Amino acid sequence: MNTWQRHLPKGLEASKVDLLAGETLPRIWVDQWRQHPQRDVIYDPKQGWVKSETLLTQSEVVAKRLAHAGVGPGDRVLLSASTSVELVTAHVASLRLGAVVIPTNGAYRSEEVAHVVSDARPTAAIVEQPEWQEWIRATDPKVVVTSPLVELEEGPSVSLDEAGTDSPALIGYTSGTTGRPKGAVLTHGNLLSSVRGLEIAWRWTSDDILILALPLFHMHGLGVGLHGSLTVGAQVVLLSEFDVDEVLNSINKFQATMFFGVPTMYGRLLDSENVSQLGQLRLCVSGSAPLSAEVHQKIYDATGQQILERYGMTETAMLVSNPYQGERRPNSVGFPLPGVEVRLEGSPAEIQVKGPNVFKGYWERPDENRASFDDGWFCTGDLGVVDSDGYLSISGRAKELIISGGFNVYPKEVEDVVSQHEAVQECAVVGVPDAQWGEAVVAFVVADREIDSNELKNFVGERLAHYKRPQQTHRVDSLPRNALGKVQKHRLIEEPRT
C-alpha cells in the first residue's frame, strides 16, 4: 500500500521529494532564526511573543550550562514540565548539544519516574515538580537535577548543531505488554522526515499560526505541533493546558490557521456556543485516538470544518493521513504519508510499516526489537483494512492497548498495581467504549471484600498517572478463562453485571 503520492500537490513529483533536506531539525531552526532574528516565533502566555534571536541566544546559554554540568553528545536529558517557552528552550538546547531528550509525562508517579531514570540513566533531568526532584535523586544521586529555567553555572563555548541524521535525538517511553514502559529511540532523521512529510501533505507554510494546547511530552504535541511549526517557519501559540474558551478565543485573537487536538478535545469544543470559531481555521487535525464519525459530522455541521484524521505512533512519528485536498473520510486515517510504506500482514491483518520516519528499535531491548520487526517492517500491533479507494482504517488492536483521552494505557501495567491491593486476589483490566474518553479503563477484580470504584481509583492513582486509573471497578466471582488458562477479557465486557 504505497499510495503516498496522493498527498503531493500538483506539480511536485515523488522523485523531487527530499525528506531529509536540512539534515537535522535544530540545524534548520537555527538557520531560520539567524536569517530572521526579529520574527515572532512562539507566543507564551506569560511572556508574550518570543523572537527568533531570543530562542537562538537562550538555547545557546542553556546548552552551555548543560555542557558545564556534564551533558555531552549522546547523553540523556529527562525533560518534564508544563508547556512554556522555557521548556521549548531546554528541549532545543539539548538537541543542539547532541544530547538525547526523554520527554516525560508530568502525571507520572514515583514508581514510573524511577523506572525511566533507572532504565535510561539520564545525565541530567529538567523538571518542575518538586517531588520529582526527590524521586530522581533517590533513584540515582548522580543525576543533575534542575528546573526548566536550568539555573546551572554557565560554562565556556561548546560545539553545537553537529549531530547527524543517524544520531539519536529522542527516547519516547511507551508502555509495553510486559507492563514496564520501554524507550523508543528516534533519530534526528526519523523526526525530520516525518515533519517534512507533513509539511508537504498538509501544505504547512511559514504563513501558518498554530494553536497548540497539546502537552509537549507527547509525539502529537512535540513531534508534530512544535517540531513541525519550527521547521516550516510557522508561528506557535502555546497554551499551558486545554481550555475550551481559551482555544476558541485564541483563534480570533491571533488570526490562527491551524488547530491540532485529540477526539476528547473536539467533543468538549462542541459543547461551546462559540464552536463555530473553528470554521475560521484552514486545518483542524485529530489524532492519538479514533475520532468517531458522529463527532466528525457534528463538527462539520457546527463549523463547516472537515476534520483531518491521521495515524502515528511514538515509534514512528506520523504514518498515514487523510488528504488535504480530497475526501476526508470518517473512521479512516487515509493514505501513507510521503516516504512511508504500509502493508497488511496476517489474518486478521496487522499494519506493518517502513520508512525514514520509523525507529530502529527500543532502548536496550534486543529481544523486543527482534520481535517487533518482520524482515525490516515494523509491526505496529494495530489491525487495519483498506477499502476499494485505498483508504486505511484501524479496525482493532492485536495488542491489548487502551487509548483513553489520547493517552496509551497498557492493561498489564495497571493490573500489576491493582494486584498489590491487599484485598485483591486476581484482576483483569480492559478498555470499554466511552463517549468522552474514547475508551475508559475498567478493572474486574476477584477480591476478599467489596471494593468500590473510588477506592481502587485512588489506590492506583497514588502509584500511576491519573489517566491509568480504572474509572470503574467490578467485583466478580472468578475471571473467565479458556482451556489453556488464559483470561478471556472479551467475556468480561460481554457478560451482564449487577
Protein backbone atom coordinates (compact mmCIF):
# COMPACT_ATOMS: atom_id res chain seq x y z
CA MET A 1 0.00 0.00 0.00
CA ASN A 2 2.42 2.67 -1.19
CA THR A 3 -0.03 5.41 -2.19
CA TRP A 4 1.68 8.43 -0.67
CA GLN A 5 1.71 10.29 -4.00
CA ARG A 6 -1.89 11.22 -3.18
CA HIS A 7 -0.55 13.74 -0.68
CA LEU A 8 1.67 15.56 -3.18
CA PRO A 9 0.41 18.87 -4.57
CA LYS A 10 0.15 19.24 -8.32
CA GLY A 11 3.49 19.77 -9.98
CA LEU A 12 5.55 18.03 -7.29
CA GLU A 13 6.89 14.67 -8.37
CA ALA A 14 7.80 12.00 -5.84
CA SER A 15 11.35 11.87 -7.16
CA LYS A 16 11.87 15.51 -6.16
CA VAL A 17 10.89 15.00 -2.52
CA ASP A 18 13.84 15.14 -0.10
CA LEU A 19 12.58 14.23 3.35
CA LEU A 20 15.99 14.83 4.94
CA ALA A 21 16.58 18.29 3.48
CA GLY A 22 18.44 20.28 6.12
CA GLU A 23 19.85 17.14 7.83
CA THR A 24 18.50 17.81 11.34
CA LEU A 25 15.69 19.82 12.90
CA PRO A 26 17.91 22.04 15.11
CA ARG A 27 20.11 22.99 12.13
CA ILE A 28 17.03 24.08 10.22
CA TRP A 29 15.68 26.05 13.17
CA VAL A 30 18.98 27.80 13.86
CA ASP A 31 19.45 28.72 10.20
CA GLN A 32 15.99 30.29 10.06
CA TRP A 33 16.44 32.16 13.33
CA ARG A 34 19.70 33.65 12.12
CA GLN A 35 18.10 34.75 8.86
CA HIS A 36 15.05 36.31 10.53
CA PRO A 37 16.14 37.36 14.03
CA GLN A 38 13.20 39.73 14.63
CA ARG A 39 10.45 37.30 13.64
CA ASP A 40 7.93 36.37 16.34
CA VAL A 41 8.07 32.58 16.68
CA ILE A 42 6.39 31.40 19.88
CA TYR A 43 3.67 33.01 21.96
CA ASP A 44 4.00 32.21 25.66
CA PRO A 45 1.00 33.12 27.87
CA LYS A 46 3.31 34.66 30.49
CA GLN A 47 5.91 36.32 28.24
CA GLY A 48 4.01 37.18 25.09
CA TRP A 49 5.71 36.73 21.72
CA VAL A 50 9.27 35.40 21.76
CA LYS A 51 11.50 36.28 18.81
CA SER A 52 13.96 34.17 16.85
CA GLU A 53 17.01 35.90 18.27
CA THR A 54 15.82 35.19 21.82
CA LEU A 55 15.38 31.49 21.10
CA LEU A 56 18.78 31.38 19.43
CA THR A 57 20.58 33.17 22.27
CA GLN A 58 18.80 31.42 25.14
CA SER A 59 19.20 27.93 23.65
CA GLU A 60 22.96 28.57 23.39
CA VAL A 61 23.09 29.72 27.02
CA VAL A 62 21.17 26.66 28.25
CA ALA A 63 23.35 24.36 26.12
CA LYS A 64 26.50 25.79 27.73
CA ARG A 65 25.00 25.29 31.20
CA LEU A 66 24.11 21.69 30.45
CA ALA A 67 27.54 21.02 28.96
CA HIS A 68 29.25 22.50 32.01
CA ALA A 69 27.14 20.14 34.17
CA GLY A 70 28.49 17.17 32.24
CA VAL A 71 25.98 16.65 29.43
CA GLY A 72 27.57 15.72 26.11
CA PRO A 73 26.54 14.23 22.77
CA GLY A 74 24.60 11.02 23.25
CA ASP A 75 23.88 11.67 26.94
CA ARG A 76 20.26 11.55 28.00
CA VAL A 77 18.33 14.54 29.37
CA LEU A 78 14.98 13.85 31.04
CA LEU A 79 12.55 16.70 30.38
CA SER A 80 9.23 17.18 32.17
CA ALA A 81 7.36 20.43 32.71
CA SER A 82 4.18 22.22 31.78
CA THR A 83 4.11 23.93 28.41
CA SER A 84 6.18 27.12 28.29
CA VAL A 85 8.88 28.81 26.26
CA GLU A 86 11.39 27.69 28.93
CA LEU A 87 10.50 24.07 28.21
CA VAL A 88 10.89 24.67 24.47
CA THR A 89 14.25 26.36 25.01
CA ALA A 90 15.55 23.48 27.15
CA HIS A 91 14.41 20.99 24.52
CA VAL A 92 16.08 22.90 21.69
CA ALA A 93 19.28 23.39 23.71
CA SER A 94 19.53 19.67 24.45
CA LEU A 95 19.13 18.75 20.78
CA ARG A 96 21.65 21.39 19.69
CA LEU A 97 24.12 19.93 22.17
CA GLY A 98 23.67 16.46 20.65
CA ALA A 99 22.00 15.08 23.77
CA VAL A 100 19.04 12.72 23.66
CA VAL A 101 15.82 14.15 25.08
CA ILE A 102 13.50 11.98 27.17
CA PRO A 103 10.14 13.84 27.17
CA THR A 104 8.27 12.53 30.20
CA ASN A 105 4.64 12.82 31.26
CA GLY A 106 4.30 15.06 34.29
CA ALA A 107 1.46 12.88 35.58
CA TYR A 108 3.86 10.01 36.31
CA ARG A 109 4.16 8.91 39.91
CA SER A 110 7.26 7.84 41.83
CA GLU A 111 7.46 4.24 40.56
CA GLU A 112 7.07 5.36 36.94
CA VAL A 113 9.69 8.10 37.28
CA ALA A 114 12.10 5.70 38.99
CA HIS A 115 11.72 3.21 36.14
CA VAL A 116 12.53 5.79 33.45
CA VAL A 117 15.54 7.07 35.40
CA SER A 118 16.97 3.63 36.15
CA ASP A 119 16.32 2.42 32.59
CA ALA A 120 17.58 5.41 30.57
CA ARG A 121 20.24 6.60 33.05
CA PRO A 122 19.99 10.32 32.22
CA THR A 123 22.87 12.63 32.96
CA ALA A 124 20.51 15.50 33.72
CA ALA A 125 16.83 15.99 34.50
CA ILE A 126 14.97 19.23 33.83
CA VAL A 127 11.75 19.06 35.86
CA GLU A 128 9.38 21.49 37.56
CA GLN A 129 7.66 19.19 40.07
CA PRO A 130 9.44 19.42 43.46
CA GLU A 131 8.58 15.81 44.34
CA TRP A 132 10.16 14.62 41.09
CA GLN A 133 13.47 16.08 42.14
CA GLU A 134 13.34 13.94 45.28
CA TRP A 135 12.28 10.82 43.39
CA ILE A 136 15.04 11.22 40.81
CA ARG A 137 17.75 11.81 43.39
CA ALA A 138 16.54 8.81 45.38
CA THR A 139 16.80 6.63 42.26
CA ASP A 140 20.15 7.95 41.04
CA PRO A 141 22.01 10.60 43.08
CA LYS A 142 24.40 11.22 40.17
CA VAL A 143 21.69 12.83 38.01
CA VAL A 144 21.99 16.62 37.78
CA VAL A 145 18.51 17.91 38.60
CA THR A 146 17.36 21.41 37.73
CA SER A 147 14.23 23.43 36.96
CA PRO A 148 13.00 24.45 33.48
CA LEU A 149 14.97 27.68 33.96
CA VAL A 150 18.12 25.48 34.01
CA GLU A 151 19.70 27.52 36.78
CA LEU A 152 23.13 25.96 36.45
CA GLU A 153 26.56 27.53 36.14
CA GLU A 154 27.35 28.54 32.57
CA GLY A 155 30.47 27.09 31.03
CA PRO A 156 32.63 28.13 28.06
CA SER A 157 31.55 27.86 24.44
CA VAL A 158 30.68 24.38 23.20
CA SER A 159 30.18 22.78 19.82
CA LEU A 160 26.56 22.92 18.76
CA ASP A 161 24.43 21.57 15.91
CA GLU A 162 26.86 18.81 14.98
CA ALA A 163 24.55 15.80 15.36
CA GLY A 164 23.89 13.83 12.18
CA THR A 165 20.68 12.40 10.77
CA ASP A 166 21.50 8.97 12.24
CA SER A 167 22.25 10.33 15.71
CA PRO A 168 19.65 9.59 18.41
CA ALA A 169 17.55 12.63 19.28
CA LEU A 170 14.67 11.41 21.40
CA ILE A 171 13.66 8.48 23.59
CA GLY A 172 9.90 8.28 23.90
CA TYR A 173 8.73 5.94 26.63
CA THR A 174 5.73 3.87 25.72
CA SER A 175 4.32 1.07 27.84
CA GLY A 176 4.69 -2.48 26.62
CA THR A 177 2.72 -5.67 27.14
CA THR A 178 5.25 -6.60 29.82
CA GLY A 179 3.82 -3.77 31.90
CA ARG A 180 7.01 -1.72 32.05
CA PRO A 181 7.42 1.30 29.74
CA LYS A 182 10.14 0.93 27.11
CA GLY A 183 12.03 3.67 25.33
CA ALA A 184 11.62 4.10 21.57
CA VAL A 185 14.83 5.64 20.22
CA LEU A 186 14.15 8.13 17.42
CA THR A 187 16.96 9.66 15.39
CA HIS A 188 17.20 13.18 14.04
CA GLY A 189 16.42 11.71 10.64
CA ASN A 190 13.28 9.97 11.92
CA LEU A 191 11.91 13.22 13.35
CA LEU A 192 12.90 15.36 10.37
CA SER A 193 11.49 13.05 7.70
CA SER A 194 8.16 12.86 9.48
CA VAL A 195 7.90 16.66 9.68
CA ARG A 196 8.87 17.03 6.01
CA GLY A 197 6.14 14.59 5.04
CA LEU A 198 3.54 16.60 6.98
CA GLU A 199 4.83 19.86 5.51
CA ILE A 200 4.03 18.50 2.05
CA ALA A 201 0.80 16.67 2.88
CA TRP A 202 -0.84 19.43 4.92
CA ARG A 203 0.52 22.35 2.83
CA TRP A 204 2.17 23.66 6.02
CA THR A 205 3.96 27.00 5.45
CA SER A 206 5.51 29.94 7.27
CA ASP A 207 2.20 31.78 6.95
CA ASP A 208 0.52 29.38 9.39
CA ILE A 209 -0.26 30.10 13.04
CA LEU A 210 -0.95 27.03 15.18
CA ILE A 211 -2.96 26.99 18.41
CA LEU A 212 -1.11 24.32 20.43
CA ALA A 213 -2.85 23.11 23.59
CA LEU A 214 -1.37 19.60 23.46
CA PRO A 215 1.25 18.57 26.03
CA LEU A 216 4.87 18.68 24.88
CA PHE A 217 5.81 15.25 26.23
CA HIS A 218 3.68 13.53 23.59
CA MET A 219 4.52 12.90 19.91
CA HIS A 220 1.38 14.76 18.84
CA GLY A 221 2.26 18.00 20.62
CA LEU A 222 6.05 17.82 20.48
CA GLY A 223 6.94 15.83 17.36
CA VAL A 224 4.13 17.21 15.21
CA GLY A 225 2.92 20.53 16.59
CA LEU A 226 6.15 22.11 17.86
CA HIS A 227 8.72 20.45 15.58
CA GLY A 228 6.58 21.00 12.50
CA SER A 229 5.90 24.67 13.17
CA LEU A 230 9.53 25.49 13.91
CA THR A 231 10.72 23.62 10.82
CA VAL A 232 8.43 25.31 8.30
CA GLY A 233 8.92 28.69 9.97
CA ALA A 234 5.32 28.95 11.18
CA GLN A 235 4.21 30.59 14.43
CA VAL A 236 3.03 28.71 17.53
CA VAL A 237 0.62 29.92 20.19
CA LEU A 238 1.36 27.85 23.29
CA LEU A 239 -1.49 27.22 25.72
CA SER A 240 -0.43 25.79 29.08
CA GLU A 241 -3.48 23.50 29.11
CA PHE A 242 -6.59 22.78 27.09
CA ASP A 243 -9.39 25.19 27.88
CA VAL A 244 -12.36 25.41 25.51
CA ASP A 245 -12.85 29.18 25.81
CA GLU A 246 -9.14 29.92 25.57
CA VAL A 247 -8.74 27.83 22.42
CA LEU A 248 -11.72 29.41 20.68
CA ASN A 249 -10.84 32.95 21.77
CA SER A 250 -7.25 32.46 20.60
CA ILE A 251 -8.39 31.74 17.05
CA ASN A 252 -9.63 35.31 16.64
CA LYS A 253 -7.01 36.93 18.85
CA PHE A 254 -4.08 35.51 16.88
CA GLN A 255 -5.75 35.07 13.47
CA ALA A 256 -4.80 31.41 13.72
CA THR A 257 -4.92 29.00 10.80
CA MET A 258 -4.46 25.56 12.45
CA PHE A 259 -5.51 23.56 15.50
CA PHE A 260 -4.38 20.05 16.46
CA GLY A 261 -6.34 18.07 19.03
CA VAL A 262 -7.42 14.67 20.29
CA PRO A 263 -11.02 13.45 19.96
CA THR A 264 -11.81 14.32 23.59
CA MET A 265 -10.92 17.95 22.86
CA TYR A 266 -13.23 18.12 19.86
CA GLY A 267 -16.04 16.62 21.92
CA ARG A 268 -15.63 19.38 24.51
CA LEU A 269 -15.38 22.10 21.88
CA LEU A 270 -18.78 21.00 20.59
CA ASP A 271 -20.31 21.92 23.95
CA SER A 272 -19.39 25.58 23.47
CA GLU A 273 -21.80 28.06 21.90
CA ASN A 274 -18.73 29.55 20.18
CA VAL A 275 -17.61 26.34 18.47
CA SER A 276 -18.25 27.99 15.08
CA GLN A 277 -14.93 29.81 15.56
CA LEU A 278 -13.23 26.62 14.34
CA GLY A 279 -14.63 27.44 10.92
CA GLN A 280 -12.09 30.26 10.54
CA LEU A 281 -9.17 27.80 10.52
CA ARG A 282 -7.77 26.31 7.33
CA LEU A 283 -6.99 22.98 9.01
CA CYS A 284 -8.14 21.03 12.06
CA VAL A 285 -6.27 17.77 12.73
CA SER A 286 -7.29 14.96 15.06
CA GLY A 287 -5.09 12.12 16.23
CA SER A 288 -3.83 9.94 19.11
CA ALA A 289 -7.15 8.08 19.30
CA PRO A 290 -10.00 7.22 16.91
CA LEU A 291 -12.39 10.07 16.12
CA SER A 292 -16.00 8.90 15.96
CA ALA A 293 -17.98 9.51 12.78
CA GLU A 294 -20.60 11.22 14.98
CA VAL A 295 -18.18 13.85 16.29
CA HIS A 296 -16.72 14.27 12.79
CA GLN A 297 -20.20 15.07 11.43
CA LYS A 298 -21.21 17.30 14.35
CA ILE A 299 -18.07 19.41 13.94
CA TYR A 300 -18.82 19.77 10.23
CA ASP A 301 -22.45 20.73 10.88
CA ALA A 302 -21.45 23.32 13.50
CA THR A 303 -18.39 24.81 11.84
CA GLY A 304 -18.03 23.67 8.23
CA GLN A 305 -14.72 22.02 9.16
CA GLN A 306 -13.90 18.59 7.77
CA ILE A 307 -11.51 17.35 10.45
CA LEU A 308 -8.41 15.69 9.04
CA GLU A 309 -7.67 12.47 10.92
CA ARG A 310 -4.21 10.92 10.85
CA TYR A 311 -2.35 7.97 12.38
CA GLY A 312 1.03 7.75 14.05
CA MET A 313 2.92 6.16 16.92
CA THR A 314 5.70 7.02 19.34
CA GLU A 315 7.93 4.58 17.46
CA THR A 316 7.26 6.03 14.03
CA ALA A 317 6.05 9.62 14.39
CA MET A 318 3.40 10.17 11.69
CA LEU A 319 2.49 7.41 9.23
CA VAL A 320 -0.83 7.96 7.49
CA SER A 321 -3.15 10.91 6.92
CA ASN A 322 -6.41 11.77 5.26
CA PRO A 323 -5.79 14.03 2.26
CA TYR A 324 -5.63 17.80 2.48
CA GLN A 325 -7.24 18.02 -0.94
CA GLY A 326 -9.88 15.37 -1.40
CA GLU A 327 -12.36 13.47 0.74
CA ARG A 328 -11.57 13.18 4.44
CA ARG A 329 -13.41 10.04 5.42
CA PRO A 330 -14.78 9.49 8.92
CA ASN A 331 -13.48 6.31 10.56
CA SER A 332 -10.49 6.34 8.20
CA VAL A 333 -6.92 7.58 8.62
CA GLY A 334 -6.30 7.93 4.89
CA PHE A 335 -3.16 7.21 2.89
CA PRO A 336 0.54 6.72 3.74
CA LEU A 337 2.44 9.98 4.11
CA PRO A 338 5.36 10.85 1.81
CA GLY A 339 8.12 8.26 2.17
CA VAL A 340 6.02 5.83 4.21
CA GLU A 341 5.21 2.29 3.07
CA VAL A 342 2.36 0.32 4.62
CA ARG A 343 1.43 -3.33 4.26
CA LEU A 344 -1.19 -5.53 5.91
CA GLU A 345 0.04 -8.94 7.02
CA GLY A 346 -1.72 -11.93 8.54
CA SER A 347 -5.32 -12.70 9.41
CA PRO A 348 -6.62 -10.58 11.00
CA ALA A 349 -4.37 -8.13 9.12
CA GLU A 350 -1.76 -6.28 11.16
CA ILE A 351 -0.48 -2.92 9.95
CA GLN A 352 3.26 -3.03 9.24
CA VAL A 353 5.30 -0.02 8.15
CA LYS A 354 8.61 1.09 6.65
CA GLY A 355 10.12 4.50 6.05
CA PRO A 356 12.77 7.00 7.12
CA ASN A 357 10.48 8.03 9.99
CA VAL A 358 10.41 4.54 11.54
CA PHE A 359 12.68 4.00 14.54
CA LYS A 360 15.36 1.30 14.62
CA GLY A 361 14.40 -0.14 17.98
CA TYR A 362 13.79 0.20 21.70
CA TRP A 363 16.44 1.35 24.15
CA GLU A 364 18.49 -1.67 25.27
CA ARG A 365 15.72 -4.15 24.34
CA PRO A 366 17.30 -6.55 21.80
CA ASP A 367 14.72 -9.30 22.33
CA GLU A 368 11.79 -6.94 21.86
CA ASN A 369 13.46 -5.38 18.83
CA ARG A 370 13.73 -8.74 17.13
CA ALA A 371 10.07 -9.44 17.89
CA SER A 372 8.92 -6.01 16.71
CA PHE A 373 10.23 -6.24 13.14
CA ASP A 374 9.37 -8.61 10.31
CA ASP A 375 12.01 -8.53 7.57
CA GLY A 376 12.59 -4.82 8.12
CA TRP A 377 8.92 -3.93 8.59
CA PHE A 378 7.83 -2.58 11.98
CA CYS A 379 4.86 -4.47 13.37
CA THR A 380 2.57 -1.80 14.84
CA GLY A 381 0.25 -4.14 16.72
CA ASP A 382 -2.71 -2.33 15.15
CA LEU A 383 -5.12 -4.13 12.84
CA GLY A 384 -6.30 -2.49 9.64
CA VAL A 385 -8.36 -2.73 6.49
CA VAL A 386 -8.07 -0.88 3.17
CA ASP A 387 -11.20 -0.02 1.21
CA SER A 388 -11.59 -0.06 -2.56
CA ASP A 389 -10.39 3.56 -2.81
CA GLY A 390 -7.20 2.89 -0.85
CA TYR A 391 -8.22 4.49 2.46
CA LEU A 392 -6.79 2.75 5.52
CA SER A 393 -8.94 2.25 8.60
CA ILE A 394 -7.86 0.99 12.02
CA SER A 395 -10.09 -1.98 12.78
CA GLY A 396 -8.67 -3.04 16.14
CA ARG A 397 -5.52 -3.87 18.02
CA ALA A 398 -3.53 -7.05 18.10
CA LYS A 399 -2.08 -5.92 21.43
CA GLU A 400 -4.13 -5.04 24.49
CA LEU A 401 -3.62 -1.31 24.28
CA ILE A 402 -6.25 1.02 25.71
CA ILE A 403 -6.34 4.58 24.37
CA SER A 404 -8.07 6.86 26.87
CA GLY A 405 -8.24 10.57 26.14
CA GLY A 406 -5.42 10.18 23.61
CA PHE A 407 -3.05 8.51 26.09
CA ASN A 408 -1.80 4.93 25.85
CA VAL A 409 -2.70 2.64 28.75
CA TYR A 410 -1.39 -0.92 28.82
CA PRO A 411 -3.55 -3.21 30.95
CA LYS A 412 -0.61 -5.23 32.29
CA GLU A 413 0.92 -2.18 33.95
CA VAL A 414 -2.38 -1.31 35.67
CA GLU A 415 -3.03 -4.95 36.59
CA ASP A 416 0.35 -5.17 38.29
CA VAL A 417 -0.60 -2.25 40.54
CA VAL A 418 -4.16 -3.39 41.22
CA SER A 419 -2.77 -6.78 42.29
CA GLN A 420 -0.86 -5.03 45.08
CA HIS A 421 -4.14 -4.10 46.80
CA GLU A 422 -4.49 -6.14 50.00
CA ALA A 423 -8.00 -7.39 49.16
CA VAL A 424 -7.41 -8.32 45.51
CA GLN A 425 -6.69 -11.93 44.59
CA GLU A 426 -6.90 -11.62 40.79
CA CYS A 427 -7.67 -8.84 38.37
CA ALA A 428 -8.12 -8.04 34.69
CA VAL A 429 -8.12 -4.55 33.16
CA VAL A 430 -9.92 -3.76 29.92
CA GLY A 431 -10.96 -0.77 27.85
CA VAL A 432 -14.63 -0.12 27.15
CA PRO A 433 -16.13 2.42 24.71
CA ASP A 434 -16.68 5.79 26.32
CA ALA A 435 -18.26 8.88 24.77
CA GLN A 436 -15.89 11.33 26.47
CA TRP A 437 -12.58 9.44 26.57
CA GLY A 438 -12.86 7.12 23.58
CA GLU A 439 -12.13 4.24 25.93
CA ALA A 440 -12.43 4.05 29.70
CA VAL A 441 -10.16 1.91 31.86
CA VAL A 442 -12.22 -0.70 33.75
CA ALA A 443 -10.99 -3.20 36.33
CA PHE A 444 -12.54 -6.58 37.13
CA VAL A 445 -11.36 -7.99 40.44
CA VAL A 446 -11.67 -11.20 42.40
CA ALA A 447 -11.48 -9.83 45.94
CA ASP A 448 -11.98 -10.73 49.60
CA ARG A 449 -14.45 -7.89 50.03
CA GLU A 450 -16.31 -5.25 48.09
CA ILE A 451 -14.04 -2.60 46.59
CA ASP A 452 -15.79 0.45 45.22
CA SER A 453 -14.53 2.33 42.19
CA ASN A 454 -13.22 5.33 44.13
CA GLU A 455 -11.14 3.17 46.47
CA LEU A 456 -9.34 1.43 43.62
CA LYS A 457 -9.08 4.63 41.59
CA ASN A 458 -7.29 6.33 44.48
CA PHE A 459 -5.10 3.28 45.11
CA VAL A 460 -3.89 3.19 41.51
CA GLY A 461 -3.67 6.99 41.31
CA GLU A 462 -1.08 7.03 44.10
CA ARG A 463 1.16 4.77 42.01
CA LEU A 464 0.44 5.54 38.34
CA ALA A 465 -0.50 8.54 36.21
CA HIS A 466 -4.09 9.73 36.61
CA TYR A 467 -5.22 8.60 33.14
CA LYS A 468 -4.31 4.98 34.02
CA ARG A 469 -6.75 4.84 36.95
CA PRO A 470 -9.72 2.49 36.48
CA GLN A 471 -12.85 4.57 36.00
CA GLN A 472 -14.97 1.64 37.15
CA THR A 473 -14.32 -1.43 39.30
CA HIS A 474 -16.41 -4.60 39.16
CA ARG A 475 -16.08 -7.43 41.66
CA VAL A 476 -16.52 -10.87 40.08
CA ASP A 477 -16.50 -14.39 41.49
CA SER A 478 -13.84 -15.51 39.02
CA LEU A 479 -12.15 -14.41 35.79
CA PRO A 480 -13.30 -16.32 32.69
CA ARG A 481 -10.50 -18.43 31.21
CA ASN A 482 -10.02 -20.67 28.19
CA ALA A 483 -8.79 -24.27 28.25
CA LEU A 484 -5.19 -23.06 28.50
CA GLY A 485 -5.95 -20.85 31.47
CA LYS A 486 -5.74 -17.52 29.61
CA VAL A 487 -8.16 -14.84 30.80
CA GLN A 488 -10.84 -14.18 28.16
CA LYS A 489 -11.27 -10.45 28.56
CA HIS A 490 -13.88 -10.14 25.86
CA ARG A 491 -16.23 -12.21 28.00
CA LEU A 492 -15.84 -9.75 30.89
CA ILE A 493 -17.18 -7.00 28.66
CA GLU A 494 -19.93 -9.12 27.11
CA GLU A 495 -21.33 -10.72 30.27
CA PRO A 496 -24.07 -8.82 32.13
CA ARG A 497 -23.13 -7.37 35.52
CA THR A 498 -25.20 -6.43 38.52
